Structures are given as C-alpha cells and as structure tokens.
Protein backbone atom coordinates (compact mmCIF):
# COMPACT_ATOMS: atom_id res chain seq x y z
CA MET A 1 -0.02 0.04 0.03
CA ALA A 2 1.24 3.43 -0.86
CA TYR A 3 1.24 6.23 1.71
CA VAL A 4 1.99 9.89 1.67
CA ASN A 5 3.30 12.31 4.20
CA PRO A 6 0.40 14.82 4.87
CA GLY A 7 2.94 17.56 5.10
CA ASN A 8 3.57 17.17 1.39
CA LEU A 9 -0.05 18.06 0.54
CA MET A 10 -1.69 21.38 -0.24
CA ILE A 11 -5.31 20.81 -0.76
CA ASP A 12 -7.04 23.49 -2.83
CA PRO A 13 -10.07 24.90 -0.93
CA SER A 14 -12.22 24.55 -4.02
CA GLY A 15 -13.15 21.03 -2.68
CA PRO A 16 -13.70 17.81 -4.49
CA GLY A 17 -15.38 17.47 -7.78
CA SER A 18 -13.39 20.06 -9.52
CA ALA A 19 -10.13 20.07 -11.35
CA TYR A 20 -8.66 22.34 -8.71
CA HIS A 21 -9.09 19.72 -5.99
CA TYR A 22 -6.12 17.87 -7.25
CA SER A 23 -3.34 18.58 -4.85
CA VAL A 24 0.04 20.15 -5.49
CA VAL A 25 2.57 17.83 -4.19
CA SER A 26 6.27 18.44 -3.60
CA ASN A 27 7.24 14.72 -3.82
CA PRO A 28 4.65 12.62 -5.68
CA PRO A 29 5.04 8.77 -5.61
CA PRO A 30 6.32 6.85 -8.60
CA HIS A 31 3.51 5.77 -11.01
CA PRO A 32 2.67 2.13 -10.09
CA SER A 33 1.89 1.32 -13.62
CA VAL A 34 5.46 1.65 -14.81
CA MET A 35 6.90 -0.87 -12.34
CA HIS A 36 6.08 -3.78 -14.59
CA SER A 37 4.71 -5.72 -11.60
CA GLN A 38 1.30 -6.46 -10.05
CA MET A 39 -0.70 -3.24 -9.34
CA PRO A 40 -1.07 -2.43 -5.62
CA GLU A 41 -4.36 -3.43 -4.02
CA TYR A 42 -4.83 0.07 -2.63
CA TRP A 43 -3.83 3.54 -3.82
CA VAL A 44 -3.93 6.76 -1.78
CA LEU A 45 -5.09 9.90 -3.53
CA PRO A 46 -3.60 13.36 -2.90
CA ASP A 47 -6.36 14.31 -0.46
CA GLY A 48 -5.62 11.17 1.66
CA ARG A 49 -8.54 9.04 0.56
CA HIS A 50 -8.06 5.43 -0.38
CA VAL A 51 -9.20 3.64 -3.46
CA VAL A 52 -9.13 -0.10 -4.19
CA HIS A 53 -7.82 -1.75 -7.33
CA LEU A 54 -10.46 -3.15 -9.78
CA PRO A 55 -9.39 -6.85 -10.08
CA ARG A 56 -7.79 -8.24 -13.25
CA SER A 57 -7.18 -11.70 -14.38
CA LEU A 58 -3.50 -12.83 -14.49
CA ASN A 59 -3.47 -12.49 -18.34
CA TYR A 60 -4.17 -8.78 -17.92
CA THR A 61 -1.56 -7.66 -15.38
CA PRO A 62 1.48 -5.44 -16.16
CA PRO A 63 4.03 -8.26 -16.16
CA MET A 64 2.13 -9.71 -19.15
CA GLU A 65 1.80 -6.52 -21.17
CA THR A 66 3.13 -6.32 -24.70
CA PHE A 67 4.92 -2.99 -24.30
CA PRO A 68 5.07 -0.21 -21.74
CA PRO A 69 1.85 1.31 -20.57
CA ILE A 70 0.36 4.74 -21.15
CA THR A 71 -0.03 6.48 -17.88
CA PHE A 72 -2.19 9.38 -16.60
CA SER A 73 -1.44 11.83 -13.79
CA VAL A 74 -2.47 15.25 -12.75
CA ARG A 75 -0.04 17.75 -11.26
CA GLY A 76 2.51 14.86 -10.81
CA TRP A 77 0.17 12.61 -8.95
CA PRO A 78 -0.83 9.28 -10.59
CA GLY A 79 -4.48 8.92 -11.42
CA VAL A 80 -7.32 10.98 -12.73
CA ARG A 81 -11.12 10.84 -11.86
CA ILE A 82 -13.47 9.56 -14.59
CA LYS A 83 -15.95 12.22 -13.40
CA ASP A 84 -13.59 15.08 -14.09
CA LEU A 85 -12.70 13.76 -17.47
CA THR A 86 -16.34 13.42 -18.57
CA ARG A 87 -17.01 16.98 -17.46
CA ASN A 88 -13.97 18.41 -18.99
CA GLN A 89 -12.87 19.62 -15.56
CA VAL A 90 -9.31 18.39 -15.61
CA ILE A 91 -6.24 18.37 -17.86
CA VAL A 92 -3.93 15.45 -17.41
CA ASP A 93 -0.13 16.00 -17.35
CA ASP A 94 1.51 16.13 -20.77
CA PRO A 95 -1.92 16.44 -22.43
CA TYR A 96 -0.83 17.13 -25.97
CA SER A 97 1.78 14.28 -26.22
CA THR A 98 0.86 11.58 -28.67
CA PRO A 99 1.90 8.28 -26.95
CA MET A 100 0.54 6.04 -29.81
CA ALA A 101 2.01 7.89 -32.63
CA HIS A 102 5.07 5.73 -32.84
CA LEU A 103 2.96 2.54 -33.21
CA GLY A 104 1.97 3.42 -36.78
CA TRP A 105 -1.61 2.18 -36.26
CA ARG A 106 -4.70 3.75 -37.80
CA ALA A 107 -7.00 2.27 -35.09
CA THR A 108 -7.01 0.20 -32.05
CA VAL A 109 -9.20 -1.42 -29.42
CA LEU A 110 -10.00 -0.57 -25.67
CA ASN A 111 -11.77 -3.18 -23.49
CA LEU A 112 -12.79 -2.44 -19.96
CA GLU A 113 -12.95 -6.16 -18.91
CA TRP A 114 -15.02 -5.30 -15.99
CA PRO A 115 -15.06 -8.13 -13.54
CA GLY A 116 -18.33 -10.11 -13.33
CA TYR A 117 -19.79 -9.04 -16.60
CA PRO A 118 -19.33 -11.51 -19.49
CA ARG A 119 -18.66 -10.29 -22.97
CA SER A 120 -21.60 -9.70 -25.24
CA THR A 121 -21.51 -11.33 -28.70
CA PHE A 122 -22.83 -8.31 -30.56
CA HIS A 123 -21.71 -4.59 -29.86
CA ASP A 124 -20.23 -5.20 -26.51
CA PRO A 125 -20.57 -1.95 -24.54
CA GLN A 126 -17.27 -2.64 -22.87
CA ILE A 127 -15.28 -2.49 -26.00
CA LEU A 128 -14.50 0.62 -28.02
CA ARG A 129 -12.55 0.58 -31.34
CA PHE A 130 -11.15 4.13 -31.98
CA ASP A 131 -8.87 5.89 -34.35
CA VAL A 132 -5.37 6.42 -33.45
CA VAL A 133 -4.92 8.99 -36.20
CA THR A 134 -7.63 11.61 -36.37
CA PRO A 135 -8.04 14.45 -38.88
CA GLN A 136 -6.26 16.65 -36.29
CA GLY A 137 -3.31 14.22 -36.12
CA PRO A 138 -2.36 11.39 -33.74
CA ILE A 139 -4.59 11.01 -30.70
CA THR A 140 -3.28 12.89 -27.63
CA ARG A 141 -2.87 11.63 -24.06
CA GLN A 142 -5.82 13.92 -23.01
CA ASP A 143 -8.07 12.44 -25.66
CA LEU A 144 -7.13 8.84 -24.73
CA ALA A 145 -8.10 9.51 -21.06
CA SER A 146 -11.36 10.97 -22.33
CA GLN A 147 -11.98 7.93 -24.44
CA VAL A 148 -11.66 5.68 -21.39
CA ALA A 149 -13.88 7.90 -19.35
CA ASN A 150 -16.61 7.79 -22.06
CA VAL A 151 -16.41 3.96 -22.27
CA VAL A 152 -16.80 3.74 -18.41
CA GLN A 153 -19.82 6.08 -18.46
CA TYR A 154 -21.40 4.26 -21.45
CA PHE A 155 -20.96 0.86 -19.91
CA HIS A 156 -22.31 1.94 -16.61
CA GLN A 157 -25.54 2.93 -18.37
CA ALA A 158 -25.69 -0.35 -20.18
CA ALA A 159 -24.96 -2.38 -17.08
CA GLN A 160 -28.27 -1.06 -15.56
CA ASN A 161 -29.89 -3.88 -17.57
CA LYS A 162 -27.30 -6.50 -16.71
CA ASN A 163 -26.83 -8.90 -13.76
CA ILE A 164 -23.35 -9.35 -12.45
CA ALA A 165 -22.00 -12.80 -11.92
CA LYS A 166 -22.29 -14.36 -8.41
CA GLY A 167 -19.28 -13.56 -6.36
CA PHE A 168 -18.66 -10.32 -8.02
CA GLU A 169 -21.28 -8.27 -6.40
CA LYS A 170 -18.76 -5.87 -4.87
CA TRP A 171 -17.97 -4.60 -8.40
CA SER A 172 -21.66 -4.18 -9.49
CA LEU A 173 -22.37 -1.11 -11.71
CA LYS A 174 -26.10 -1.66 -11.31
CA GLU A 175 -26.46 -1.18 -7.48
CA GLY A 176 -22.97 0.05 -6.30
CA ILE A 177 -20.27 1.66 -8.32
CA ARG A 178 -20.86 4.90 -10.24
CA PRO A 179 -18.51 6.52 -12.81
CA SER A 180 -17.86 9.23 -10.24
CA ASP A 181 -16.30 6.45 -8.03
CA VAL A 182 -13.66 5.43 -10.72
CA ILE A 183 -10.04 6.59 -11.04
CA LEU A 184 -7.99 5.93 -14.12
CA LEU A 185 -4.28 5.25 -13.69
CA SER A 186 -3.17 3.87 -17.02
CA ILE A 187 -3.94 1.70 -20.04
CA HIS A 188 -1.99 -1.44 -20.98
CA TYR A 189 -1.72 -3.34 -24.28
CA TYR A 190 -2.09 -7.16 -24.34
CA ARG A 191 -1.77 -8.61 -27.73
CA THR A 192 -4.68 -7.19 -29.30
CA GLN A 193 -6.40 -4.73 -27.00
CA TRP A 194 -5.83 -2.03 -24.43
CA ILE A 195 -7.04 -2.73 -20.81
CA PRO A 196 -7.33 0.12 -18.36
CA GLU A 197 -6.14 0.06 -14.73
CA LEU A 198 -8.86 1.40 -12.58
CA TYR A 199 -9.33 2.11 -8.95
CA ILE A 200 -12.57 2.51 -7.05
CA PHE A 201 -13.59 4.59 -4.04
CA GLU A 202 -14.44 2.37 -1.10
C-alpha cells in the first residue's frame, strides 16, 4: 500500500469534484503502472482518501503486457477521476503528447474487462474501437483519457440492464459503483487490445 506524508500536501479549498481539487505535491510517488509488476491493491489519493484496485485476471496484469503502458497523472500525482474527465474539468499531465503515434496504427481497441460481466457477442458496450490517427493528427494523451472515461460512463448505463455474476457483487455497476467512483491510472496493451487500470472509491 502506498502512503504519503500529509506535510507534502496542499489541498485546494475549492473542494472535491473540480479540477482544482487535485493537490500540488512536492514529492509525488512513482507511478505504479510503470513498475512492470502487479498493481497495488490500494492507492492513496492526494487528499488522503484510499481507493481499491479493480481486479484483473492474471492475463491482464502489467508483467504480461506487450509493451510499456500509457499513464495518466494530474500535477504529478498518478491517477485522474473519470467524473472530471467526462465533465472536461481536468487536464492530465503532458496532455498534448501523442503516446500512440510511434506505433504506426490507424485504429486500436479498448476493452474495460469489468469483472463479473461476460462479454456480449454483439456490440459489447465494454469495447471501443477508436482511431489512433484523427483528422487533427495522432490522438493525444488527453483524448485517450477521455475515451476511457466515455467507455466507463457508457458501460455503466448499459449495465443497468445486466446482472453481475455471483461472487462479483462488490464490483456491480447496477447497484453500487458509479462513474464518479472510478479513478483511471493507465492503459496497458495485451496482444490485441488495451485494458485500463482502474481504482474504485471504497
């Protein structure tokens, strides 16, 4: 579990729910997604709150990734809230970089792989195929984060008509988790698709 010295934090008085709530930190922790190891079970946000890791199968863990991940942070601190992305209330660090440009792809696939929800055989709402090269140029880090946020929000709506598998009730999107509870840390490529690393407010 990662911890932070409260003395390193300066919380903006604007309060949670706005881009300005992200703390300015003098010594942010290393991004856990770049360690090429299992993601920590818990993560601590700049305001001291804890979030828990959304489980992944062993096939979709950083040691199994095809190449290094694309990470997201705000003011140096790893992670960005889905809610803030969907409301255009936050800018991720290095927002105009194009982390997929070197791959030479025209399009790629993102899959939430949310635990407890089996794949649909037709138009699975967890899966998004999107352009890597847009009319404006290669997709940016900010746009990538927004793509993930939009899929989370869309799948949350679709899941209201779905039942989660027995044993996965903790991760239910129908009666429990909302998009505003979700934190995006990174996306990782596994053979044919990108899988995000997500954390959830307890």
